[in-house]
Structures are given as structure tokens and as C-alpha cells.
């Protein structure tokens, strides 16, 4: 049995040697094997191409994330520059406030706003604040300092219903009280025959000594007669625009 296996092995080896020397047979065998090997190589190429695609996609995603981050940073810088430019404009405008006899102007930075409708307040920061200091913007009166804690003060604005402001027109032809009502201001105690016209400006009259005279306060928007009375119903709009400001000015009384 062992001898038979040996003979079979020898015969196979001789056959293979003969076939290898037969050029035409070898060529035919290669032609048969080549497509088969090609089929096996295609999936390998697919895997390679897929790996490259995933790698390129990851690189593109990383680049996109980096560019997006840089864009956000650039937008933040532009917004910060715009805010700084606006604040500088506000400060320059406050520097041009006319001198007020007996008072010094002090810049005050707004720290927070109140969102209440019936009672509008601001928190400002400035040095040497005092109770009842008058606060203005470049356009007109904002309110009074109601409470002081260190360098911070609470400002009661024109829109607060508890604040009554004695006012007059530029020609001193009439006097009235302005009082806040939610998000608007009403002029009180004006008789119909002395009524102002739309567009007139009210200024502080100085009556009562709380506000110095001559500070612009509000502009007349609408005038109507109160039915059954001799008084006029007058709606006015505050000239100061503190909601969008970062800086205001405080009128601090000069010490002797």
C-alpha cells in the first residue's frame, strides 16, 4: 500500500513537470485563473476606496467644524467691536451735554433693566451717587436715583407712575405735571384753552427743586379734549431712549 502511494505521488510530480513545460497549456490556465483572481481583487479595491472616502469625509468634517468655529469667533469679535463703537458714541455724546449750573456731569454705566410695565427701573454704576440725583441720556431726562448701595444706584424712570415731573414749554406759556402710565406718559392739569400742539417739547420747570430747570423731557404726540370737562388729555413720548443705551449721565450737585 505504501509503495502504491509513492508511485502515485511520483506520477503526479512528473505530470506537473510536463504541464509546466507545455507553454500553451500554461497560458490557457492563466487565462482561466486571471478573471477569477480579478473578481477577488475587486472587493479588496472597494474596501480600499471606501476607507479613503471615510477618511476624506472625516477630514472634511473636521475642516468644516474648524471653519464654523472660526466664523463664530469672527462674528463675536465683530459684535464686540460694534458694541464698543456704540458705547464710545454714547460717551462722546454725553461729553457734549451743556453745563448745568450747580451740577457736575458724571458718566454712569447701565447694569440692568427692569422688565415691569407699571414700574420701570434701572441699575446704574457710577462713583459718588446720591439719592435724588437726576439721570439723563443725551436726548433728555431719564429719572431719579432712588437708592444707593456703594457705587450702584437704582434709578426710577419717567415711566414709573409714582414719579410726577413739573414741566413747562419753551416759552413758559403753560405748566403741567408729567406722570408715567405703563409704557406711556400723560400730561396732567392742562386746560383745553392752554393746550399745546403735537410736536411741542416739555422741559423741566424747576418747580419743587427736585429737577433743575431746562432739561428736555418729552414730546407731545396726541391732544384730545376730555368729554364733559375743560381739561385736555395729552399723550407725550419720552425723548430719552435708555432701553438701548449702555451709558447715561448723572447730574451730581456741587458741594460748596
C-alpha atoms as a PDB file:
ATOM      1  CA  UNK A   1       0.000   0.000   0.000  1.00  0.00           C
ATOM      2  CA  UNK A   2       2.793   2.372   0.905  1.00  0.00           C
ATOM      3  CA  UNK A   3       4.588   1.612  -2.320  1.00  0.00           C
ATOM      4  CA  UNK A   4       1.425   2.352  -4.313  1.00  0.00           C
ATOM      5  CA  UNK A   5       1.074   5.836  -2.721  1.00  0.00           C
ATOM      6  CA  UNK A   6       4.688   6.562  -3.520  1.00  0.00           C
ATOM      7  CA  UNK A   7       4.169   5.616  -7.166  1.00  0.00           C
ATOM      8  CA  UNK A   8       1.087   7.841  -7.434  1.00  0.00           C
ATOM      9  CA  UNK A   9       2.998  10.767  -5.965  1.00  0.00           C
ATOM     10  CA  UNK A  10       5.854  10.311  -8.413  1.00  0.00           C
ATOM     11  CA  UNK A  11       3.413  10.165 -11.337  1.00  0.00           C
ATOM     12  CA  UNK A  12       1.698  13.415 -10.229  1.00  0.00           C
ATOM     13  CA  UNK A  13       5.023  15.196  -9.920  1.00  0.00           C
ATOM     14  CA  UNK A  14       6.032  14.077 -13.404  1.00  0.00           C
ATOM     15  CA  UNK A  15       2.700  15.241 -14.807  1.00  0.00           C
ATOM     16  CA  UNK A  16       3.073  18.654 -13.242  1.00  0.00           C
ATOM     17  CA  UNK A  17       6.605  18.965 -14.600  1.00  0.00           C
ATOM     18  CA  UNK A  18       5.352  18.073 -18.036  1.00  0.00           C
ATOM     19  CA  UNK A  19       2.477  20.508 -17.876  1.00  0.00           C
ATOM     20  CA  UNK A  20       4.752  23.291 -16.714  1.00  0.00           C
ATOM     21  CA  UNK A  21       6.939  22.776 -19.770  1.00  0.00           C
ATOM     22  CA  UNK A  22       3.874  22.968 -22.016  1.00  0.00           C
ATOM     23  CA  UNK A  23       3.632  26.681 -22.805  1.00  0.00           C
ATOM     24  CA  UNK A  24       0.211  26.617 -24.434  1.00  0.00           C
ATOM     25  CA  UNK A  25      -1.401  24.858 -21.518  1.00  0.00           C
ATOM     26  CA  UNK A  26       0.131  27.281 -19.028  1.00  0.00           C
ATOM     27  CA  UNK A  27      -1.178  30.237 -20.997  1.00  0.00           C
ATOM     28  CA  UNK A  28      -4.649  28.764 -21.118  1.00  0.00           C
ATOM     29  CA  UNK A  29      -4.546  28.110 -17.400  1.00  0.00           C
ATOM     30  CA  UNK A  30      -3.525  31.744 -16.737  1.00  0.00           C
ATOM     31  CA  UNK A  31      -6.390  32.958 -18.920  1.00  0.00           C
ATOM     32  CA  UNK A  32      -8.804  30.969 -16.803  1.00  0.00           C
ATOM     33  CA  UNK A  33      -7.323  31.983 -13.474  1.00  0.00           C
ATOM     34  CA  UNK A  34      -6.884  35.716 -14.313  1.00  0.00           C
ATOM     35  CA  UNK A  35     -10.593  36.664 -14.301  1.00  0.00           C
ATOM     36  CA  UNK A  36     -11.137  34.681 -11.136  1.00  0.00           C
ATOM     37  CA  UNK A  37      -8.305  36.472  -9.358  1.00  0.00           C
ATOM     38  CA  UNK A  38      -9.674  39.770 -10.707  1.00  0.00           C
ATOM     39  CA  UNK A  39     -13.029  39.051  -9.082  1.00  0.00           C
ATOM     40  CA  UNK A  40     -11.272  38.546  -5.771  1.00  0.00           C
ATOM     41  CA  UNK A  41      -9.314  41.797  -6.173  1.00  0.00           C
ATOM     42  CA  UNK A  42     -12.425  43.961  -6.821  1.00  0.00           C
ATOM     43  CA  UNK A  43     -13.822  43.720  -3.249  1.00  0.00           C
ATOM     44  CA  UNK A  44     -10.374  44.490  -1.924  1.00  0.00           C
ATOM     45  CA  UNK A  45     -10.323  47.645  -4.077  1.00  0.00           C
ATOM     46  CA  UNK A  46     -13.796  48.555  -2.879  1.00  0.00           C
ATOM     47  CA  UNK A  47     -12.691  48.280   0.711  1.00  0.00           C
ATOM     48  CA  UNK A  48      -9.652  50.416  -0.018  1.00  0.00           C
ATOM     49  CA  UNK A  49     -11.726  53.065  -1.818  1.00  0.00           C
ATOM     50  CA  UNK A  50     -14.295  53.039   0.990  1.00  0.00           C
ATOM     51  CA  UNK A  51     -11.593  53.560   3.586  1.00  0.00           C
ATOM     52  CA  UNK A  52     -10.231  56.533   1.638  1.00  0.00           C
ATOM     53  CA  UNK A  53     -13.737  58.007   1.305  1.00  0.00           C
ATOM     54  CA  UNK A  54     -14.423  57.740   5.041  1.00  0.00           C
ATOM     55  CA  UNK A  55     -11.028  59.233   5.828  1.00  0.00           C
ATOM     56  CA  UNK A  56     -11.556  62.126   3.411  1.00  0.00           C
ATOM     57  CA  UNK A  57     -15.047  62.709   4.802  1.00  0.00           C
ATOM     58  CA  UNK A  58     -13.745  62.849   8.361  1.00  0.00           C
ATOM     59  CA  UNK A  59     -11.080  65.332   7.310  1.00  0.00           C
ATOM     60  CA  UNK A  60     -13.708  67.461   5.551  1.00  0.00           C
ATOM     61  CA  UNK A  61     -15.962  67.354   8.615  1.00  0.00           C
ATOM     62  CA  UNK A  62     -13.073  68.421  10.836  1.00  0.00           C
ATOM     63  CA  UNK A  63     -12.223  71.267   8.466  1.00  0.00           C
ATOM     64  CA  UNK A  64     -15.902  72.303   8.382  1.00  0.00           C
ATOM     65  CA  UNK A  65     -16.072  72.322  12.170  1.00  0.00           C
ATOM     66  CA  UNK A  66     -12.883  74.383  12.388  1.00  0.00           C
ATOM     67  CA  UNK A  67     -14.144  76.884   9.806  1.00  0.00           C
ATOM     68  CA  UNK A  68     -17.521  77.125  11.578  1.00  0.00           C
ATOM     69  CA  UNK A  69     -15.775  77.788  14.886  1.00  0.00           C
ATOM     70  CA  UNK A  70     -13.599  80.468  13.294  1.00  0.00           C
ATOM     71  CA  UNK A  71     -16.698  82.048  11.736  1.00  0.00           C
ATOM     72  CA  UNK A  72     -18.491  82.201  15.092  1.00  0.00           C
ATOM     73  CA  UNK A  73     -15.400  83.690  16.705  1.00  0.00           C
ATOM     74  CA  UNK A  74     -15.159  86.292  13.968  1.00  0.00           C
ATOM     75  CA  UNK A  75     -18.849  87.179  14.352  1.00  0.00           C
ATOM     76  CA  UNK A  76     -18.389  87.518  18.113  1.00  0.00           C
ATOM     77  CA  UNK A  77     -15.425  89.853  17.565  1.00  0.00           C
ATOM     78  CA  UNK A  78     -17.416  91.964  15.103  1.00  0.00           C
ATOM     79  CA  UNK A  79     -20.341  92.189  17.519  1.00  0.00           C
ATOM     80  CA  UNK A  80     -17.991  93.171  20.348  1.00  0.00           C
ATOM     81  CA  UNK A  81     -16.409  95.853  18.150  1.00  0.00           C
ATOM     82  CA  UNK A  82     -19.844  97.159  17.161  1.00  0.00           C
ATOM     83  CA  UNK A  83     -20.888  97.309  20.824  1.00  0.00           C
ATOM     84  CA  UNK A  84     -17.683  99.132  21.754  1.00  0.00           C
ATOM     85  CA  UNK A  85     -18.206 101.590  18.907  1.00  0.00           C
ATOM     86  CA  UNK A  86     -21.781 102.266  20.054  1.00  0.00           C
ATOM     87  CA  UNK A  87     -20.682 102.750  23.663  1.00  0.00           C
ATOM     88  CA  UNK A  88     -17.939 105.156  22.568  1.00  0.00           C
ATOM     89  CA  UNK A  89     -20.524 107.112  20.566  1.00  0.00           C
ATOM     90  CA  UNK A  90     -22.771 107.340  23.624  1.00  0.00           C
ATOM     91  CA  UNK A  91     -19.903 108.514  25.823  1.00  0.00           C
ATOM     92  CA  UNK A  92     -18.848 111.135  23.281  1.00  0.00           C
ATOM     93  CA  UNK A  93     -22.439 112.395  23.126  1.00  0.00           C
ATOM     94  CA  UNK A  94     -22.575 112.678  26.930  1.00  0.00           C
ATOM     95  CA  UNK A  95     -19.370 114.724  26.877  1.00  0.00           C
ATOM     96  CA  UNK A  96     -21.226 117.343  24.835  1.00  0.00           C
ATOM     97  CA  UNK A  97     -24.024 117.829  27.373  1.00  0.00           C
ATOM     98  CA  UNK A  98     -24.354 121.556  28.124  1.00  0.00           C
ATOM     99  CA  UNK A  99     -23.070 122.745  31.511  1.00  0.00           C
ATOM    100  CA  UNK A 100     -25.690 122.756  34.249  1.00  0.00           C
ATOM    101  CA  UNK A 101     -25.257 125.443  36.878  1.00  0.00           C
ATOM    102  CA  UNK A 102     -24.600 123.950  40.304  1.00  0.00           C
ATOM    103  CA  UNK A 103     -24.072 120.421  38.967  1.00  0.00           C
ATOM    104  CA  UNK A 104     -21.311 118.191  37.595  1.00  0.00           C
ATOM    105  CA  UNK A 105     -21.985 115.539  34.955  1.00  0.00           C
ATOM    106  CA  UNK A 106     -20.806 112.029  35.866  1.00  0.00           C
ATOM    107  CA  UNK A 107     -20.946 109.069  33.466  1.00  0.00           C
ATOM    108  CA  UNK A 108     -22.985 106.084  34.718  1.00  0.00           C
ATOM    109  CA  UNK A 109     -22.966 102.629  33.165  1.00  0.00           C
ATOM    110  CA  UNK A 110     -26.289 100.755  32.962  1.00  0.00           C
ATOM    111  CA  UNK A 111     -26.015  97.348  34.626  1.00  0.00           C
ATOM    112  CA  UNK A 112     -29.583  96.053  34.265  1.00  0.00           C
ATOM    113  CA  UNK A 113     -33.114  96.977  33.203  1.00  0.00           C
ATOM    114  CA  UNK A 114     -36.437  96.225  34.850  1.00  0.00           C
ATOM    115  CA  UNK A 115     -38.975  94.445  32.679  1.00  0.00           C
ATOM    116  CA  UNK A 116     -42.001  95.690  34.578  1.00  0.00           C
ATOM    117  CA  UNK A 117     -44.539  97.816  32.728  1.00  0.00           C
ATOM    118  CA  UNK A 118     -46.047  99.815  35.610  1.00  0.00           C
ATOM    119  CA  UNK A 119     -42.752 100.482  37.368  1.00  0.00           C
ATOM    120  CA  UNK A 120     -39.630 100.870  35.244  1.00  0.00           C
ATOM    121  CA  UNK A 121     -36.256 100.830  36.996  1.00  0.00           C
ATOM    122  CA  UNK A 122     -32.591 100.798  36.054  1.00  0.00           C
ATOM    123  CA  UNK A 123     -29.481  99.763  37.939  1.00  0.00           C
ATOM    124  CA  UNK A 124     -26.535 102.049  37.158  1.00  0.00           C
ATOM    125  CA  UNK A 125     -22.904 102.106  38.279  1.00  0.00           C
ATOM    126  CA  UNK A 126     -21.095 105.369  38.966  1.00  0.00           C
ATOM    127  CA  UNK A 127     -18.892 106.979  41.587  1.00  0.00           C
ATOM    128  CA  UNK A 128     -20.316 109.083  44.413  1.00  0.00           C
ATOM    129  CA  UNK A 129     -24.017 108.577  43.698  1.00  0.00           C
ATOM    130  CA  UNK A 130     -26.567 110.296  45.938  1.00  0.00           C
ATOM    131  CA  UNK A 131     -30.287 109.995  46.498  1.00  0.00           C
ATOM    132  CA  UNK A 132     -32.392 112.075  44.086  1.00  0.00           C
ATOM    133  CA  UNK A 133     -29.535 112.610  41.646  1.00  0.00           C
ATOM    134  CA  UNK A 134     -31.000 113.339  38.230  1.00  0.00           C
ATOM    135  CA  UNK A 135     -30.174 110.885  35.433  1.00  0.00           C
ATOM    136  CA  UNK A 136     -30.267 111.834  31.745  1.00  0.00           C
ATOM    137  CA  UNK A 137     -29.340 110.497  28.322  1.00  0.00           C
ATOM    138  CA  UNK A 138     -28.017 112.669  25.513  1.00  0.00           C
ATOM    139  CA  UNK A 139     -31.647 113.285  24.463  1.00  0.00           C
ATOM    140  CA  UNK A 140     -33.343 114.105  27.747  1.00  0.00           C
ATOM    141  CA  UNK A 141     -34.440 113.214  31.259  1.00  0.00           C
ATOM    142  CA  UNK A 142     -34.433 109.545  32.317  1.00  0.00           C
ATOM    143  CA  UNK A 143     -35.308 109.669  36.020  1.00  0.00           C
ATOM    144  CA  UNK A 144     -34.028 109.945  39.580  1.00  0.00           C
ATOM    145  CA  UNK A 145     -31.679 107.890  41.739  1.00  0.00           C
ATOM    146  CA  UNK A 146     -33.930 106.290  44.346  1.00  0.00           C
ATOM    147  CA  UNK A 147     -31.499 104.047  46.238  1.00  0.00           C
ATOM    148  CA  UNK A 148     -27.705 103.892  46.557  1.00  0.00           C
ATOM    149  CA  UNK A 149     -25.524 100.963  47.579  1.00  0.00           C
ATOM    150  CA  UNK A 150     -21.836 101.622  47.137  1.00  0.00           C
ATOM    151  CA  UNK A 151     -21.210 102.565  43.511  1.00  0.00           C
ATOM    152  CA  UNK A 152     -24.585 101.187  42.392  1.00  0.00           C
ATOM    153  CA  UNK A 153     -27.838 103.083  42.272  1.00  0.00           C
ATOM    154  CA  UNK A 154     -31.463 102.269  41.480  1.00  0.00           C
ATOM    155  CA  UNK A 155     -32.984 104.740  39.041  1.00  0.00           C
ATOM    156  CA  UNK A 156     -36.728 105.374  38.947  1.00  0.00           C
ATOM    157  CA  UNK A 157     -37.528 106.321  35.343  1.00  0.00           C
ATOM    158  CA  UNK A 158     -40.168 108.534  33.757  1.00  0.00           C
ATOM    159  CA  UNK A 159     -42.374 105.505  33.134  1.00  0.00           C
ATOM    160  CA  UNK A 160     -42.845 104.899  36.851  1.00  0.00           C
ATOM    161  CA  UNK A 161     -46.328 106.031  37.870  1.00  0.00           C
ATOM    162  CA  UNK A 162     -45.173 107.365  41.236  1.00  0.00           C
ATOM    163  CA  UNK A 163     -42.851 109.954  39.675  1.00  0.00           C
ATOM    164  CA  UNK A 164     -44.528 113.312  38.871  1.00  0.00           C
ATOM    165  CA  UNK A 165     -42.385 115.796  36.943  1.00  0.00           C
ATOM    166  CA  UNK A 166     -43.264 119.547  36.832  1.00  0.00           C
ATOM    167  CA  UNK A 167     -42.766 120.730  33.259  1.00  0.00           C
ATOM    168  CA  UNK A 168     -43.330 123.727  31.021  1.00  0.00           C
ATOM    169  CA  UNK A 169     -42.988 124.620  27.357  1.00  0.00           C
ATOM    170  CA  UNK A 170     -40.030 126.500  25.919  1.00  0.00           C
ATOM    171  CA  UNK A 171     -41.979 129.787  26.027  1.00  0.00           C
ATOM    172  CA  UNK A 172     -43.226 129.092  29.593  1.00  0.00           C
ATOM    173  CA  UNK A 173     -46.765 129.605  28.347  1.00  0.00           C
ATOM    174  CA  UNK A 174     -48.166 126.677  30.317  1.00  0.00           C
ATOM    175  CA  UNK A 175     -47.180 124.344  33.150  1.00  0.00           C
ATOM    176  CA  UNK A 176     -48.171 120.740  33.767  1.00  0.00           C
ATOM    177  CA  UNK A 177     -47.252 117.514  35.528  1.00  0.00           C
ATOM    178  CA  UNK A 178     -45.961 114.512  33.593  1.00  0.00           C
ATOM    179  CA  UNK A 179     -46.641 111.075  35.033  1.00  0.00           C
ATOM    180  CA  UNK A 180     -45.821 107.632  33.676  1.00  0.00           C
ATOM    181  CA  UNK A 181     -48.621 105.218  32.853  1.00  0.00           C
ATOM    182  CA  UNK A 182     -47.302 101.764  31.953  1.00  0.00           C
ATOM    183  CA  UNK A 183     -45.325 102.300  28.731  1.00  0.00           C
ATOM    184  CA  UNK A 184     -46.558 105.854  28.068  1.00  0.00           C
ATOM    185  CA  UNK A 185     -46.620 109.281  29.739  1.00  0.00           C
ATOM    186  CA  UNK A 186     -49.583 111.591  30.319  1.00  0.00           C
ATOM    187  CA  UNK A 187     -49.552 115.353  30.843  1.00  0.00           C
ATOM    188  CA  UNK A 188     -51.920 116.338  33.651  1.00  0.00           C
ATOM    189  CA  UNK A 189     -53.738 119.548  34.652  1.00  0.00           C
ATOM    190  CA  UNK A 190     -53.703 121.335  31.305  1.00  0.00           C
ATOM    191  CA  UNK A 191     -56.866 123.241  30.446  1.00  0.00           C
ATOM    192  CA  UNK A 192     -58.186 122.952  26.932  1.00  0.00           C
ATOM    193  CA  UNK A 193     -57.692 126.612  26.044  1.00  0.00           C
ATOM    194  CA  UNK A 194     -53.975 126.394  27.001  1.00  0.00           C
ATOM    195  CA  UNK A 195     -53.393 123.061  25.304  1.00  0.00           C
ATOM    196  CA  UNK A 196     -50.084 122.508  23.473  1.00  0.00           C
ATOM    197  CA  UNK A 197     -49.949 121.215  19.924  1.00  0.00           C
ATOM    198  CA  UNK A 198     -48.469 117.956  18.661  1.00  0.00           C
ATOM    199  CA  UNK A 199     -44.702 118.241  18.356  1.00  0.00           C
ATOM    200  CA  UNK A 200     -44.229 120.650  21.279  1.00  0.00           C
ATOM    201  CA  UNK A 201     -41.446 119.794  23.739  1.00  0.00           C
ATOM    202  CA  UNK A 202     -41.852 119.819  27.531  1.00  0.00           C
ATOM    203  CA  UNK A 203     -38.898 120.839  29.726  1.00  0.00           C
ATOM    204  CA  UNK A 204     -38.410 120.601  33.462  1.00  0.00           C
ATOM    205  CA  UNK A 205     -39.715 123.781  35.071  1.00  0.00           C
ATOM    206  CA  UNK A 206     -37.611 123.635  38.234  1.00  0.00           C
ATOM    207  CA  UNK A 207     -40.731 123.883  40.432  1.00  0.00           C
ATOM    208  CA  UNK A 208     -40.248 121.958  43.687  1.00  0.00           C
ATOM    209  CA  UNK A 209     -36.460 121.911  43.388  1.00  0.00           C
ATOM    210  CA  UNK A 210     -36.234 118.196  42.604  1.00  0.00           C
ATOM    211  CA  UNK A 211     -35.300 118.693  38.961  1.00  0.00           C
ATOM    212  CA  UNK A 212     -33.215 121.631  37.717  1.00  0.00           C
ATOM    213  CA  UNK A 213     -34.975 123.731  35.086  1.00  0.00           C
ATOM    214  CA  UNK A 214     -34.428 123.417  31.364  1.00  0.00           C
ATOM    215  CA  UNK A 215     -33.973 119.654  30.902  1.00  0.00           C
ATOM    216  CA  UNK A 216     -35.839 118.243  27.873  1.00  0.00           C
ATOM    217  CA  UNK A 217     -38.353 115.617  28.985  1.00  0.00           C
ATOM    218  CA  UNK A 218     -40.983 114.642  26.428  1.00  0.00           C
ATOM    219  CA  UNK A 219     -42.607 115.450  23.101  1.00  0.00           C
ATOM    220  CA  UNK A 220     -46.369 115.924  22.626  1.00  0.00           C
ATOM    221  CA  UNK A 221     -47.841 113.189  20.424  1.00  0.00           C
ATOM    222  CA  UNK A 222     -51.631 113.480  20.786  1.00  0.00           C
ATOM    223  CA  UNK A 223     -54.051 116.087  22.162  1.00  0.00           C
ATOM    224  CA  UNK A 224     -57.735 115.391  22.857  1.00  0.00           C
ATOM    225  CA  UNK A 225     -60.401 117.111  24.910  1.00  0.00           C
ATOM    226  CA  UNK A 226     -61.766 115.229  27.915  1.00  0.00           C
ATOM    227  CA  UNK A 227     -65.527 114.919  27.414  1.00  0.00           C
ATOM    228  CA  UNK A 228     -67.560 116.982  29.889  1.00  0.00           C
ATOM    229  CA  UNK A 229     -64.589 118.954  31.234  1.00  0.00           C
ATOM    230  CA  UNK A 230     -62.357 121.908  30.418  1.00  0.00           C
ATOM    231  CA  UNK A 231     -59.164 119.833  30.516  1.00  0.00           C
ATOM    232  CA  UNK A 232     -57.151 118.290  27.726  1.00  0.00           C
ATOM    233  CA  UNK A 233     -55.933 114.711  27.561  1.00  0.00           C
ATOM    234  CA  UNK A 234     -52.372 114.859  26.286  1.00  0.00           C
ATOM    235  CA  UNK A 235     -50.177 111.911  25.489  1.00  0.00           C
ATOM    236  CA  UNK A 236     -46.448 112.509  25.275  1.00  0.00           C
ATOM    237  CA  UNK A 237     -43.377 110.418  24.448  1.00  0.00           C
ATOM    238  CA  UNK A 238     -40.166 110.469  26.453  1.00  0.00           C
ATOM    239  CA  UNK A 239     -37.257 111.914  24.486  1.00  0.00           C
ATOM    240  CA  UNK A 240     -34.659 109.806  26.291  1.00  0.00           C
ATOM    241  CA  UNK A 241     -34.022 106.316  24.910  1.00  0.00           C
ATOM    242  CA  UNK A 242     -32.368 104.448  27.760  1.00  0.00           C
ATOM    243  CA  UNK A 243     -33.550 100.943  26.828  1.00  0.00           C
ATOM    244  CA  UNK A 244     -30.849 100.524  24.176  1.00  0.00           C
ATOM    245  CA  UNK A 245     -28.113 102.537  25.878  1.00  0.00           C
ATOM    246  CA  UNK A 246     -25.107 101.367  27.840  1.00  0.00           C
ATOM    247  CA  UNK A 247     -24.208 104.774  29.317  1.00  0.00           C
ATOM    248  CA  UNK A 248     -26.136 107.616  30.920  1.00  0.00           C
ATOM    249  CA  UNK A 249     -25.128 110.773  32.774  1.00  0.00           C
ATOM    250  CA  UNK A 250     -25.827 111.709  36.393  1.00  0.00           C
ATOM    251  CA  UNK A 251     -26.188 115.344  37.479  1.00  0.00           C
ATOM    252  CA  UNK A 252     -24.311 115.493  40.760  1.00  0.00           C
ATOM    253  CA  UNK A 253     -24.780 118.596  42.886  1.00  0.00           C
ATOM    254  CA  UNK A 254     -21.603 120.542  43.515  1.00  0.00           C
ATOM    255  CA  UNK A 255     -20.526 120.777  47.122  1.00  0.00           C
ATOM    256  CA  UNK A 256     -19.748 124.281  48.450  1.00  0.00           C
END
